[in-house]
């Protein structure tokens, strides 16, 4: 998959260094993945949540952080929409961000 944009992840873990390893692992996994359906994601990330419009919420670092992406399965594109702490996540609308 083509992940857009890693810069968002880097900016986040620059501020929250304890998230770096987990986000780098997720990024590497996503780049290697060939996700065609939500079920493909669920096989690897059993705690992932699926929202409308092909949005997926990943629990990062033992659920310390949340990552929201939009996936275009046909084009093999994963767009990072949000990464944040739980309190930051609670202040946003995951289906609109």
N, C-alpha and C. Protein backbone atom coordinates (compact mmCIF):
# COMPACT_ATOMS: atom_id res chain seq x y z
N UNK A 1 0.85 -1.17 0.00
CA UNK A 1 0.00 0.00 0.00
C UNK A 1 0.90 1.24 0.00
N UNK A 2 0.39 2.29 -0.60
CA UNK A 2 1.09 3.57 -0.60
C UNK A 2 0.52 4.41 0.54
N UNK A 3 1.35 4.72 1.53
CA UNK A 3 0.89 5.45 2.71
C UNK A 3 1.18 6.93 2.54
N UNK A 4 0.13 7.73 2.61
CA UNK A 4 0.22 9.19 2.50
C UNK A 4 -0.35 9.77 3.79
N UNK A 5 0.26 10.46 4.57
CA UNK A 5 1.58 10.99 4.52
C UNK A 5 2.32 10.58 5.78
N UNK A 6 3.50 10.05 5.59
CA UNK A 6 4.31 9.66 6.73
C UNK A 6 4.68 10.88 7.57
N UNK A 7 4.74 12.03 6.93
CA UNK A 7 5.11 13.25 7.65
C UNK A 7 4.21 13.48 8.87
N UNK A 8 2.92 13.18 8.74
CA UNK A 8 1.99 13.33 9.86
C UNK A 8 2.40 12.45 11.03
N UNK A 9 2.82 11.23 10.73
CA UNK A 9 3.27 10.32 11.78
C UNK A 9 4.54 10.84 12.44
N UNK A 10 5.48 11.30 11.62
CA UNK A 10 6.76 11.81 12.14
C UNK A 10 6.53 13.04 13.02
N UNK A 11 5.68 13.94 12.57
CA UNK A 11 5.39 15.13 13.38
C UNK A 11 4.79 14.74 14.72
N UNK A 12 3.93 13.72 14.72
CA UNK A 12 3.32 13.28 15.97
C UNK A 12 4.36 12.66 16.89
N UNK A 13 5.17 11.71 16.37
CA UNK A 13 6.10 11.06 17.28
C UNK A 13 7.30 11.92 17.63
N UNK A 14 7.48 13.02 16.95
CA UNK A 14 8.48 13.99 17.39
C UNK A 14 8.01 14.63 18.69
N UNK A 15 6.71 14.85 18.78
CA UNK A 15 6.13 15.43 20.00
C UNK A 15 5.89 14.36 21.08
N UNK A 16 5.59 13.13 20.65
CA UNK A 16 5.32 12.01 21.57
C UNK A 16 6.28 10.87 21.23
N UNK A 17 7.56 10.97 21.64
CA UNK A 17 8.58 10.00 21.23
C UNK A 17 8.26 8.55 21.60
N UNK A 18 7.48 8.34 22.64
CA UNK A 18 7.14 6.97 23.03
C UNK A 18 6.25 6.28 21.98
N UNK A 19 5.69 7.03 21.04
CA UNK A 19 4.86 6.45 19.98
C UNK A 19 5.68 6.07 18.74
N UNK A 20 6.94 6.48 18.69
CA UNK A 20 7.73 6.32 17.47
C UNK A 20 7.82 4.87 16.99
N UNK A 21 8.25 3.96 17.83
CA UNK A 21 8.45 2.58 17.40
C UNK A 21 7.14 1.97 16.89
N UNK A 22 6.07 2.15 17.63
CA UNK A 22 4.78 1.57 17.23
C UNK A 22 4.29 2.14 15.90
N UNK A 23 4.45 3.44 15.71
CA UNK A 23 4.02 4.05 14.44
C UNK A 23 4.91 3.63 13.28
N UNK A 24 6.19 3.49 13.53
CA UNK A 24 7.10 3.03 12.47
C UNK A 24 6.77 1.58 12.08
N UNK A 25 6.46 0.75 13.06
CA UNK A 25 6.07 -0.63 12.77
C UNK A 25 4.77 -0.66 11.97
N UNK A 26 3.77 0.14 12.40
CA UNK A 26 2.51 0.19 11.65
C UNK A 26 2.77 0.64 10.21
N UNK A 27 3.58 1.68 10.04
CA UNK A 27 3.87 2.20 8.71
C UNK A 27 4.53 1.13 7.83
N UNK A 28 5.50 0.43 8.37
CA UNK A 28 6.18 -0.62 7.62
C UNK A 28 5.20 -1.73 7.25
N UNK A 29 4.35 -2.12 8.19
CA UNK A 29 3.34 -3.15 7.91
C UNK A 29 2.38 -2.69 6.81
N UNK A 30 1.92 -1.46 6.91
CA UNK A 30 0.97 -0.94 5.92
C UNK A 30 1.61 -0.86 4.54
N UNK A 31 2.87 -0.46 4.47
CA UNK A 31 3.56 -0.36 3.17
C UNK A 31 3.67 -1.74 2.50
N UNK A 32 3.88 -2.78 3.29
CA UNK A 32 4.02 -4.13 2.75
C UNK A 32 2.67 -4.79 2.45
N UNK A 33 1.62 -4.29 3.06
CA UNK A 33 0.30 -4.92 2.98
C UNK A 33 -0.29 -4.84 1.58
N UNK A 34 -1.18 -5.76 1.31
CA UNK A 34 -1.96 -5.77 0.08
C UNK A 34 -3.44 -5.85 0.47
N UNK A 35 -3.90 -4.88 1.26
CA UNK A 35 -5.27 -4.90 1.75
C UNK A 35 -6.25 -4.69 0.61
N UNK A 36 -7.19 -5.60 0.48
CA UNK A 36 -8.24 -5.49 -0.53
C UNK A 36 -9.61 -5.32 0.10
N UNK A 37 -9.73 -5.71 1.38
CA UNK A 37 -11.00 -5.61 2.10
C UNK A 37 -10.71 -5.33 3.57
N UNK A 38 -11.73 -4.88 4.31
CA UNK A 38 -11.54 -4.71 5.76
C UNK A 38 -11.15 -6.02 6.45
N UNK A 39 -11.61 -7.13 5.94
CA UNK A 39 -11.27 -8.42 6.55
C UNK A 39 -9.77 -8.68 6.50
N UNK A 40 -9.11 -8.21 5.44
CA UNK A 40 -7.65 -8.36 5.34
C UNK A 40 -6.96 -7.62 6.48
N UNK A 41 -7.47 -6.46 6.82
CA UNK A 41 -6.90 -5.67 7.92
C UNK A 41 -7.18 -6.36 9.25
N UNK A 42 -8.42 -6.82 9.42
CA UNK A 42 -8.84 -7.43 10.68
C UNK A 42 -8.02 -8.67 11.01
N UNK A 43 -7.55 -9.39 10.01
CA UNK A 43 -6.72 -10.57 10.26
C UNK A 43 -5.41 -10.22 10.96
N UNK A 44 -4.90 -9.04 10.68
CA UNK A 44 -3.62 -8.62 11.27
C UNK A 44 -3.85 -7.70 12.48
N UNK A 45 -4.82 -6.81 12.35
CA UNK A 45 -5.12 -5.83 13.40
C UNK A 45 -6.53 -6.10 13.92
N UNK A 46 -6.63 -7.05 14.83
CA UNK A 46 -7.94 -7.50 15.30
C UNK A 46 -8.71 -6.42 16.06
N UNK A 47 -8.02 -5.42 16.57
CA UNK A 47 -8.71 -4.36 17.32
C UNK A 47 -9.06 -3.16 16.45
N UNK A 48 -8.76 -3.22 15.16
CA UNK A 48 -9.09 -2.11 14.27
C UNK A 48 -10.61 -1.94 14.22
N UNK A 49 -11.03 -0.68 14.11
CA UNK A 49 -12.45 -0.36 13.99
C UNK A 49 -12.69 0.24 12.62
N UNK A 50 -13.82 -0.09 12.04
CA UNK A 50 -14.13 0.34 10.69
C UNK A 50 -15.30 1.31 10.71
N UNK A 51 -15.10 2.44 10.05
CA UNK A 51 -16.10 3.49 9.99
C UNK A 51 -16.59 3.64 8.56
N UNK A 52 -17.56 4.51 8.37
CA UNK A 52 -18.05 4.75 7.01
C UNK A 52 -16.94 5.35 6.14
N UNK A 53 -17.17 5.30 4.84
CA UNK A 53 -16.25 5.88 3.86
C UNK A 53 -14.85 5.28 3.93
N UNK A 54 -14.77 3.98 4.21
CA UNK A 54 -13.48 3.26 4.23
C UNK A 54 -12.46 3.85 5.19
N UNK A 55 -12.93 4.35 6.31
CA UNK A 55 -12.03 4.82 7.35
C UNK A 55 -11.78 3.71 8.35
N UNK A 56 -10.55 3.66 8.83
CA UNK A 56 -10.17 2.65 9.80
C UNK A 56 -9.48 3.33 10.97
N UNK A 57 -9.83 2.90 12.18
CA UNK A 57 -9.19 3.39 13.39
C UNK A 57 -8.31 2.27 13.94
N UNK A 58 -7.01 2.55 14.03
CA UNK A 58 -6.06 1.60 14.59
C UNK A 58 -5.70 2.03 16.00
N UNK A 59 -5.60 1.06 16.90
CA UNK A 59 -5.08 1.29 18.24
C UNK A 59 -3.57 1.12 18.16
N UNK A 60 -2.85 2.14 18.59
CA UNK A 60 -1.39 2.15 18.47
C UNK A 60 -0.77 2.07 19.86
N UNK A 61 0.29 1.29 19.96
CA UNK A 61 1.06 1.11 21.20
C UNK A 61 0.16 0.68 22.36
N UNK A 62 -0.45 -0.47 22.17
CA UNK A 62 -1.29 -1.01 23.23
C UNK A 62 -2.47 -0.13 23.55
N UNK A 63 -2.99 0.56 22.54
CA UNK A 63 -4.15 1.43 22.67
C UNK A 63 -3.83 2.75 23.38
N UNK A 64 -2.55 3.13 23.43
CA UNK A 64 -2.20 4.43 24.00
C UNK A 64 -2.56 5.56 23.05
N UNK A 65 -2.55 5.26 21.74
CA UNK A 65 -2.78 6.29 20.72
C UNK A 65 -3.79 5.75 19.71
N UNK A 66 -4.36 6.67 18.95
CA UNK A 66 -5.29 6.29 17.89
C UNK A 66 -4.81 6.86 16.57
N UNK A 67 -4.96 6.05 15.54
CA UNK A 67 -4.58 6.43 14.18
C UNK A 67 -5.79 6.21 13.29
N UNK A 68 -6.20 7.25 12.57
CA UNK A 68 -7.32 7.14 11.64
C UNK A 68 -6.77 7.29 10.23
N UNK A 69 -7.15 6.35 9.37
CA UNK A 69 -6.75 6.41 7.97
C UNK A 69 -7.98 6.23 7.09
N UNK A 70 -7.85 6.70 5.87
CA UNK A 70 -8.83 6.42 4.83
C UNK A 70 -8.14 5.50 3.83
N UNK A 71 -8.81 4.43 3.44
CA UNK A 71 -8.20 3.47 2.53
C UNK A 71 -8.96 3.43 1.21
N UNK A 72 -8.20 3.62 0.14
CA UNK A 72 -8.72 3.41 -1.21
C UNK A 72 -8.19 2.04 -1.63
N UNK A 73 -9.01 1.02 -1.41
CA UNK A 73 -8.57 -0.35 -1.66
C UNK A 73 -8.22 -0.57 -3.13
N UNK A 74 -8.98 0.02 -4.02
CA UNK A 74 -8.77 -0.17 -5.45
C UNK A 74 -7.42 0.39 -5.90
N UNK A 75 -7.10 1.58 -5.42
CA UNK A 75 -5.84 2.24 -5.82
C UNK A 75 -4.67 1.91 -4.90
N UNK A 76 -4.95 1.17 -3.83
CA UNK A 76 -3.90 0.77 -2.88
C UNK A 76 -3.27 1.98 -2.18
N UNK A 77 -4.13 2.91 -1.74
CA UNK A 77 -3.67 4.12 -1.07
C UNK A 77 -4.24 4.18 0.34
N UNK A 78 -3.38 4.45 1.30
CA UNK A 78 -3.77 4.67 2.70
C UNK A 78 -3.43 6.11 3.03
N UNK A 79 -4.43 6.91 3.34
CA UNK A 79 -4.21 8.31 3.70
C UNK A 79 -4.36 8.49 5.21
N UNK A 80 -3.31 8.97 5.84
CA UNK A 80 -3.36 9.25 7.27
C UNK A 80 -4.21 10.50 7.46
N UNK A 81 -5.27 10.35 8.27
CA UNK A 81 -6.18 11.46 8.52
C UNK A 81 -5.94 12.08 9.90
N UNK A 82 -5.53 11.25 10.86
CA UNK A 82 -5.36 11.72 12.23
C UNK A 82 -4.49 10.73 12.98
N UNK A 83 -3.66 11.26 13.86
CA UNK A 83 -2.97 10.45 14.85
C UNK A 83 -2.95 11.27 16.12
N UNK A 84 -3.29 10.64 17.25
CA UNK A 84 -3.34 11.41 18.48
C UNK A 84 -3.52 10.54 19.71
N UNK A 85 -3.50 11.22 20.84
CA UNK A 85 -3.75 10.56 22.11
C UNK A 85 -5.25 10.28 22.22
N UNK A 86 -5.63 9.54 23.25
CA UNK A 86 -7.05 9.27 23.45
C UNK A 86 -7.83 10.55 23.71
N UNK A 87 -7.29 11.45 24.50
CA UNK A 87 -8.02 12.69 24.77
C UNK A 87 -8.16 13.54 23.51
N UNK A 88 -7.14 13.55 22.65
CA UNK A 88 -7.26 14.26 21.38
C UNK A 88 -8.30 13.59 20.49
N UNK A 89 -8.30 12.27 20.47
CA UNK A 89 -9.26 11.51 19.67
C UNK A 89 -10.69 11.79 20.14
N UNK A 90 -10.87 11.89 21.44
CA UNK A 90 -12.21 12.14 21.99
C UNK A 90 -12.77 13.50 21.58
N UNK A 91 -11.91 14.41 21.15
CA UNK A 91 -12.35 15.76 20.78
C UNK A 91 -12.65 15.91 19.28
N UNK A 92 -12.48 14.85 18.51
CA UNK A 92 -12.70 14.95 17.07
C UNK A 92 -13.84 14.03 16.64
N UNK A 93 -14.33 14.25 15.45
CA UNK A 93 -15.31 13.35 14.85
C UNK A 93 -14.53 12.46 13.87
N UNK A 94 -14.33 11.23 14.23
CA UNK A 94 -13.50 10.32 13.43
C UNK A 94 -14.03 10.11 12.02
N UNK A 95 -15.30 10.33 11.82
CA UNK A 95 -15.89 10.13 10.49
C UNK A 95 -15.81 11.38 9.62
N UNK A 96 -15.38 12.49 10.22
CA UNK A 96 -15.33 13.75 9.48
C UNK A 96 -13.93 14.32 9.30
N UNK A 97 -13.01 13.93 10.15
CA UNK A 97 -11.66 14.52 10.11
C UNK A 97 -10.96 14.18 8.82
